[in-house]
Amino acid sequence: MIERTRSSVPAGVDGDTPAAQALGTRFAVGGYPTMVPFEADGIAATRLPGRAPPLRSALS
Protein backbone atom coordinates (compact mmCIF):
# COMPACT_ATOMS: atom_id res chain seq x y z
CA MET A 1 0.00 0.00 0.00
CA ILE A 2 2.80 2.39 0.85
CA GLU A 3 4.45 1.92 -2.54
CA ARG A 4 1.15 2.34 -4.42
CA THR A 5 0.28 5.57 -2.60
CA ARG A 6 3.78 7.09 -2.59
CA SER A 7 2.88 9.59 -5.34
CA SER A 8 -0.48 10.49 -3.76
CA VAL A 9 -1.15 14.01 -2.57
CA PRO A 10 -3.69 14.11 0.29
CA ALA A 11 -5.97 17.11 0.56
CA GLY A 12 -8.55 17.87 3.22
CA VAL A 13 -11.75 19.80 2.62
CA ASP A 14 -13.87 21.50 5.30
CA GLY A 15 -17.30 20.09 4.41
CA ASP A 16 -19.12 23.09 5.89
CA THR A 17 -17.81 25.67 3.44
CA PRO A 18 -19.71 26.60 0.26
CA ALA A 19 -16.73 25.55 -1.89
CA ALA A 20 -16.66 22.12 -0.23
CA GLN A 21 -20.39 21.72 -0.74
CA ALA A 22 -19.88 22.42 -4.45
CA LEU A 23 -17.07 19.82 -4.58
CA GLY A 24 -19.29 17.33 -2.77
CA THR A 25 -21.99 17.82 -5.37
CA ARG A 26 -19.53 17.64 -8.26
CA PHE A 27 -18.04 14.36 -7.05
CA ALA A 28 -21.27 12.79 -5.71
CA VAL A 29 -20.17 12.71 -2.08
CA GLY A 30 -23.06 11.40 0.00
CA GLY A 31 -21.51 12.02 3.43
CA TYR A 32 -18.36 12.83 5.27
CA PRO A 33 -15.74 11.53 5.58
CA THR A 34 -15.36 10.32 2.00
CA MET A 35 -12.13 9.66 0.13
CA VAL A 36 -12.13 10.35 -3.62
CA PRO A 37 -8.96 9.06 -5.31
CA PHE A 38 -8.24 10.60 -8.70
CA GLU A 39 -6.50 9.27 -11.78
CA ALA A 40 -3.54 11.25 -13.13
CA ASP A 41 -5.87 12.95 -15.64
CA GLY A 42 -8.07 14.38 -12.85
CA ILE A 43 -10.96 11.94 -13.25
CA ALA A 44 -12.36 10.53 -9.99
CA ALA A 45 -11.46 6.82 -9.87
CA THR A 46 -14.00 5.93 -7.18
CA ARG A 47 -15.60 7.16 -3.96
CA LEU A 48 -14.74 5.50 -0.65
CA PRO A 49 -17.21 6.55 2.04
CA GLY A 50 -15.71 6.55 5.51
CA ARG A 51 -19.00 6.37 7.34
CA ALA A 52 -20.06 3.12 8.92
CA PRO A 53 -23.54 1.73 9.36
CA PRO A 54 -25.13 2.44 12.75
CA LEU A 55 -24.13 0.02 15.48
CA ARG A 56 -26.81 -2.30 16.70
CA SER A 57 -27.70 -1.89 20.33
CA ALA A 58 -25.95 -4.28 22.70
CA LEU A 59 -29.33 -4.79 24.36
CA SER A 60 -31.10 -6.07 21.25
PDB file of N, CA and C in Angstrom:
ATOM      1  N   MET A   1       0.821  -1.190   0.000  1.00  0.00           N
ATOM      2  CA  MET A   1       0.000   0.000   0.000  1.00  0.00           C
ATOM      3  C   MET A   1       0.869   1.259   0.000  1.00  0.00           C
ATOM      4  N   ILE A   2       1.923   1.221   0.777  1.00  0.00           N
ATOM      5  CA  ILE A   2       2.800   2.395   0.851  1.00  0.00           C
ATOM      6  C   ILE A   2       3.372   2.717  -0.525  1.00  0.00           C
ATOM      7  N   GLU A   3       3.868   1.692  -1.214  1.00  0.00           N
ATOM      8  CA  GLU A   3       4.454   1.918  -2.541  1.00  0.00           C
ATOM      9  C   GLU A   3       3.407   2.451  -3.518  1.00  0.00           C
ATOM     10  N   ARG A   4       2.194   1.926  -3.481  1.00  0.00           N
ATOM     11  CA  ARG A   4       1.150   2.343  -4.425  1.00  0.00           C
ATOM     12  C   ARG A   4       0.657   3.758  -4.157  1.00  0.00           C
ATOM     13  N   THR A   5       0.780   4.230  -2.931  1.00  0.00           N
ATOM     14  CA  THR A   5       0.285   5.574  -2.596  1.00  0.00           C
ATOM     15  C   THR A   5       1.410   6.599  -2.460  1.00  0.00           C
ATOM     16  N   ARG A   6       2.633   6.187  -2.756  1.00  0.00           N
ATOM     17  CA  ARG A   6       3.780   7.085  -2.588  1.00  0.00           C
ATOM     18  C   ARG A   6       3.621   8.401  -3.354  1.00  0.00           C
ATOM     19  N   SER A   7       3.022   8.366  -4.535  1.00  0.00           N
ATOM     20  CA  SER A   7       2.880   9.587  -5.335  1.00  0.00           C
ATOM     21  C   SER A   7       1.547  10.301  -5.084  1.00  0.00           C
ATOM     22  N   SER A   8       0.805   9.847  -4.082  1.00  0.00           N
ATOM     23  CA  SER A   8      -0.477  10.488  -3.758  1.00  0.00           C
ATOM     24  C   SER A   8      -0.260  11.813  -3.048  1.00  0.00           C
ATOM     25  N   VAL A   9      -1.180  12.724  -3.247  1.00  0.00           N
ATOM     26  CA  VAL A   9      -1.153  14.011  -2.567  1.00  0.00           C
ATOM     27  C   VAL A   9      -2.474  14.150  -1.807  1.00  0.00           C
ATOM     28  N   PRO A  10      -2.445  13.995  -0.473  1.00  0.00           N
ATOM     29  CA  PRO A  10      -3.687  14.106   0.288  1.00  0.00           C
ATOM     30  C   PRO A  10      -4.128  15.564   0.397  1.00  0.00           C
ATOM     31  N   ALA A  11      -5.423  15.767   0.386  1.00  0.00           N
ATOM     32  CA  ALA A  11      -5.973  17.115   0.558  1.00  0.00           C
ATOM     33  C   ALA A  11      -7.235  17.001   1.396  1.00  0.00           C
ATOM     34  N   GLY A  12      -7.357  17.848   2.376  1.00  0.00           N
ATOM     35  CA  GLY A  12      -8.554  17.866   3.217  1.00  0.00           C
ATOM     36  C   GLY A  12      -9.467  19.004   2.793  1.00  0.00           C
ATOM     37  N   VAL A  13     -10.760  18.790   2.972  1.00  0.00           N
ATOM     38  CA  VAL A  13     -11.748  19.804   2.617  1.00  0.00           C
ATOM     39  C   VAL A  13     -12.686  19.977   3.798  1.00  0.00           C
ATOM     40  N   ASP A  14     -12.914  21.216   4.227  1.00  0.00           N
ATOM     41  CA  ASP A  14     -13.871  21.503   5.295  1.00  0.00           C
ATOM     42  C   ASP A  14     -15.272  21.421   4.706  1.00  0.00           C
ATOM     43  N   GLY A  15     -15.996  20.357   5.011  1.00  0.00           N
ATOM     44  CA  GLY A  15     -17.297  20.091   4.410  1.00  0.00           C
ATOM     45  C   GLY A  15     -18.353  21.127   4.672  1.00  0.00           C
ATOM     46  N   ASP A  16     -18.118  22.073   5.585  1.00  0.00           N
ATOM     47  CA  ASP A  16     -19.121  23.091   5.894  1.00  0.00           C
ATOM     48  C   ASP A  16     -19.020  24.332   5.014  1.00  0.00           C
ATOM     49  N   THR A  17     -17.967  24.454   4.243  1.00  0.00           N
ATOM     50  CA  THR A  17     -17.808  25.666   3.436  1.00  0.00           C
ATOM     51  C   THR A  17     -18.579  25.534   2.120  1.00  0.00           C
ATOM     52  N   PRO A  18     -18.998  26.651   1.545  1.00  0.00           N
ATOM     53  CA  PRO A  18     -19.708  26.596   0.257  1.00  0.00           C
ATOM     54  C   PRO A  18     -18.884  25.925  -0.850  1.00  0.00           C
ATOM     55  N   ALA A  19     -17.581  26.176  -0.865  1.00  0.00           N
ATOM     56  CA  ALA A  19     -16.732  25.549  -1.891  1.00  0.00           C
ATOM     57  C   ALA A  19     -16.715  24.033  -1.720  1.00  0.00           C
ATOM     58  N   ALA A  20     -16.653  23.565  -0.481  1.00  0.00           N
ATOM     59  CA  ALA A  20     -16.655  22.122  -0.229  1.00  0.00           C
ATOM     60  C   ALA A  20     -17.999  21.508  -0.600  1.00  0.00           C
ATOM     61  N   GLN A  21     -19.071  22.224  -0.358  1.00  0.00           N
ATOM     62  CA  GLN A  21     -20.394  21.722  -0.743  1.00  0.00           C
ATOM     63  C   GLN A  21     -20.468  21.558  -2.262  1.00  0.00           C
ATOM     64  N   ALA A  22     -19.897  22.505  -2.985  1.00  0.00           N
ATOM     65  CA  ALA A  22     -19.875  22.417  -4.453  1.00  0.00           C
ATOM     66  C   ALA A  22     -19.041  21.220  -4.901  1.00  0.00           C
ATOM     67  N   LEU A  23     -17.892  20.990  -4.253  1.00  0.00           N
ATOM     68  CA  LEU A  23     -17.069  19.823  -4.584  1.00  0.00           C
ATOM     69  C   LEU A  23     -17.818  18.526  -4.268  1.00  0.00           C
ATOM     70  N   GLY A  24     -18.521  18.511  -3.141  1.00  0.00           N
ATOM     71  CA  GLY A  24     -19.290  17.335  -2.771  1.00  0.00           C
ATOM     72  C   GLY A  24     -20.346  17.005  -3.806  1.00  0.00           C
ATOM     73  N   THR A  25     -20.996  18.024  -4.319  1.00  0.00           N
ATOM     74  CA  THR A  25     -21.994  17.823  -5.368  1.00  0.00           C
ATOM     75  C   THR A  25     -21.321  17.347  -6.653  1.00  0.00           C
ATOM     76  N   ARG A  26     -20.237  17.991  -7.016  1.00  0.00           N
ATOM     77  CA  ARG A  26     -19.526  17.645  -8.255  1.00  0.00           C
ATOM     78  C   ARG A  26     -19.065  16.189  -8.273  1.00  0.00           C
ATOM     79  N   PHE A  27     -18.592  15.712  -7.110  1.00  0.00           N
ATOM     80  CA  PHE A  27     -18.037  14.359  -7.052  1.00  0.00           C
ATOM     81  C   PHE A  27     -18.957  13.360  -6.356  1.00  0.00           C
ATOM     82  N   ALA A  28     -20.238  13.694  -6.243  1.00  0.00           N
ATOM     83  CA  ALA A  28     -21.268  12.789  -5.711  1.00  0.00           C
ATOM     84  C   ALA A  28     -20.921  12.238  -4.333  1.00  0.00           C
ATOM     85  N   VAL A  29     -20.472  13.115  -3.448  1.00  0.00           N
ATOM     86  CA  VAL A  29     -20.173  12.713  -2.077  1.00  0.00           C
ATOM     87  C   VAL A  29     -21.485  12.694  -1.307  1.00  0.00           C
ATOM     88  N   GLY A  30     -21.804  11.547  -0.724  1.00  0.00           N
ATOM     89  CA  GLY A  30     -23.062  11.403  -0.002  1.00  0.00           C
ATOM     90  C   GLY A  30     -22.945  11.680   1.483  1.00  0.00           C
ATOM     91  N   GLY A  31     -21.733  11.759   2.012  1.00  0.00           N
ATOM     92  CA  GLY A  31     -21.514  12.016   3.427  1.00  0.00           C
ATOM     93  C   GLY A  31     -20.037  12.131   3.713  1.00  0.00           C
ATOM     94  N   TYR A  32     -19.751  12.638   4.879  1.00  0.00           N
ATOM     95  CA  TYR A  32     -18.356  12.827   5.270  1.00  0.00           C
ATOM     96  C   TYR A  32     -18.023  11.899   6.418  1.00  0.00           C
ATOM     97  N   PRO A  33     -16.837  11.345   6.514  1.00  0.00           N
ATOM     98  CA  PRO A  33     -15.737  11.530   5.578  1.00  0.00           C
ATOM     99  C   PRO A  33     -15.890  10.629   4.353  1.00  0.00           C
ATOM    100  N   THR A  34     -15.407  11.099   3.236  1.00  0.00           N
ATOM    101  CA  THR A  34     -15.363  10.320   2.001  1.00  0.00           C
ATOM    102  C   THR A  34     -14.014  10.574   1.337  1.00  0.00           C
ATOM    103  N   MET A  35     -13.386   9.521   0.849  1.00  0.00           N
ATOM    104  CA  MET A  35     -12.128   9.660   0.128  1.00  0.00           C
ATOM    105  C   MET A  35     -12.426   9.476  -1.363  1.00  0.00           C
ATOM    106  N   VAL A  36     -11.936  10.413  -2.167  1.00  0.00           N
ATOM    107  CA  VAL A  36     -12.126  10.348  -3.617  1.00  0.00           C
ATOM    108  C   VAL A  36     -10.751  10.317  -4.269  1.00  0.00           C
ATOM    109  N   PRO A  37     -10.242   9.131  -4.608  1.00  0.00           N
ATOM    110  CA  PRO A  37      -8.958   9.063  -5.309  1.00  0.00           C
ATOM    111  C   PRO A  37      -9.140   9.418  -6.791  1.00  0.00           C
ATOM    112  N   PHE A  38      -8.189  10.141  -7.317  1.00  0.00           N
ATOM    113  CA  PHE A  38      -8.243  10.600  -8.704  1.00  0.00           C
ATOM    114  C   PHE A  38      -7.181   9.926  -9.544  1.00  0.00           C
ATOM    115  N   GLU A  39      -7.489   9.727 -10.809  1.00  0.00           N
ATOM    116  CA  GLU A  39      -6.500   9.270 -11.785  1.00  0.00           C
ATOM    117  C   GLU A  39      -5.584  10.451 -12.108  1.00  0.00           C
ATOM    118  N   ALA A  40      -4.490  10.197 -12.786  1.00  0.00           N
ATOM    119  CA  ALA A  40      -3.540  11.254 -13.129  1.00  0.00           C
ATOM    120  C   ALA A  40      -4.170  12.331 -14.007  1.00  0.00           C
ATOM    121  N   ASP A  41      -5.222  11.973 -14.767  1.00  0.00           N
ATOM    122  CA  ASP A  41      -5.873  12.951 -15.644  1.00  0.00           C
ATOM    123  C   ASP A  41      -6.955  13.771 -14.937  1.00  0.00           C
ATOM    124  N   GLY A  42      -7.110  13.587 -13.614  1.00  0.00           N
ATOM    125  CA  GLY A  42      -8.069  14.379 -12.850  1.00  0.00           C
ATOM    126  C   GLY A  42      -9.461  13.784 -12.750  1.00  0.00           C
ATOM    127  N   ILE A  43      -9.669  12.607 -13.322  1.00  0.00           N
ATOM    128  CA  ILE A  43     -10.965  11.943 -13.252  1.00  0.00           C
ATOM    129  C   ILE A  43     -11.041  11.159 -11.938  1.00  0.00           C
ATOM    130  N   ALA A  44     -12.177  11.272 -11.225  1.00  0.00           N
ATOM    131  CA  ALA A  44     -12.357  10.527  -9.987  1.00  0.00           C
ATOM    132  C   ALA A  44     -12.390   9.034 -10.295  1.00  0.00           C
ATOM    133  N   ALA A  45     -11.529   8.263  -9.640  1.00  0.00           N
ATOM    134  CA  ALA A  45     -11.461   6.824  -9.872  1.00  0.00           C
ATOM    135  C   ALA A  45     -12.597   6.093  -9.168  1.00  0.00           C
ATOM    136  N   THR A  46     -12.932   6.543  -7.964  1.00  0.00           N
ATOM    137  CA  THR A  46     -14.004   5.932  -7.181  1.00  0.00           C
ATOM    138  C   THR A  46     -14.315   6.831  -6.001  1.00  0.00           C
ATOM    139  N   ARG A  47     -15.275   6.456  -5.198  1.00  0.00           N
ATOM    140  CA  ARG A  47     -15.596   7.156  -3.963  1.00  0.00           C
ATOM    141  C   ARG A  47     -15.570   6.125  -2.844  1.00  0.00           C
ATOM    142  N   LEU A  48     -14.851   6.419  -1.778  1.00  0.00           N
ATOM    143  CA  LEU A  48     -14.741   5.504  -0.649  1.00  0.00           C
ATOM    144  C   LEU A  48     -15.336   6.177   0.585  1.00  0.00           C
ATOM    145  N   PRO A  49     -16.607   5.909   0.864  1.00  0.00           N
ATOM    146  CA  PRO A  49     -17.214   6.551   2.038  1.00  0.00           C
ATOM    147  C   PRO A  49     -16.586   6.033   3.319  1.00  0.00           C
ATOM    148  N   GLY A  50     -16.323   6.938   4.231  1.00  0.00           N
ATOM    149  CA  GLY A  50     -15.715   6.552   5.508  1.00  0.00           C
ATOM    150  C   GLY A  50     -16.728   6.330   6.611  1.00  0.00           C
ATOM    151  N   ARG A  51     -17.993   6.570   6.299  1.00  0.00           N
ATOM    152  CA  ARG A  51     -19.002   6.371   7.339  1.00  0.00           C
ATOM    153  C   ARG A  51     -19.304   4.885   7.477  1.00  0.00           C
ATOM    154  N   ALA A  52     -19.715   4.515   8.646  1.00  0.00           N
ATOM    155  CA  ALA A  52     -20.061   3.119   8.919  1.00  0.00           C
ATOM    156  C   ALA A  52     -21.536   3.034   9.222  1.00  0.00           C
ATOM    157  N   PRO A  53     -22.130   1.875   9.008  1.00  0.00           N
ATOM    158  CA  PRO A  53     -23.540   1.734   9.360  1.00  0.00           C
ATOM    159  C   PRO A  53     -23.721   1.885  10.867  1.00  0.00           C
ATOM    160  N   PRO A  54     -24.902   2.287  11.312  1.00  0.00           N
ATOM    161  CA  PRO A  54     -25.125   2.443  12.748  1.00  0.00           C
ATOM    162  C   PRO A  54     -24.899   1.116  13.480  1.00  0.00           C
ATOM    163  N   LEU A  55     -24.347   1.212  14.670  1.00  0.00           N
ATOM    164  CA  LEU A  55     -24.133   0.019  15.479  1.00  0.00           C
ATOM    165  C   LEU A  55     -25.460  -0.466  16.033  1.00  0.00           C
ATOM    166  N   ARG A  56     -25.615  -1.757  16.081  1.00  0.00           N
ATOM    167  CA  ARG A  56     -26.812  -2.300  16.703  1.00  0.00           C
ATOM    168  C   ARG A  56     -26.649  -2.216  18.217  1.00  0.00           C
ATOM    169  N   SER A  57     -27.731  -2.003  18.878  1.00  0.00           N
ATOM    170  CA  SER A  57     -27.704  -1.888  20.326  1.00  0.00           C
ATOM    171  C   SER A  57     -27.236  -3.184  20.961  1.00  0.00           C
ATOM    172  N   ALA A  58     -26.431  -3.093  21.981  1.00  0.00           N
ATOM    173  CA  ALA A  58     -25.952  -4.279  22.702  1.00  0.00           C
ATOM    174  C   ALA A  58     -27.100  -4.961  23.442  1.00  0.00           C
ATOM    175  N   LEU A  59     -28.194  -4.228  23.633  1.00  0.00           N
ATOM    176  CA  LEU A  59     -29.332  -4.787  24.364  1.00  0.00           C
ATOM    177  C   LEU A  59     -30.314  -5.511  23.459  1.00  0.00           C
ATOM    178  N   SER A  60     -30.134  -5.422  22.119  1.00  0.00           N
ATOM    179  CA  SER A  60     -31.103  -6.072  21.248  1.00  0.00           C
ATOM    180  C   SER A  60     -30.795  -7.535  21.037  1.00  0.00           C
TER     181      SER A  60
END
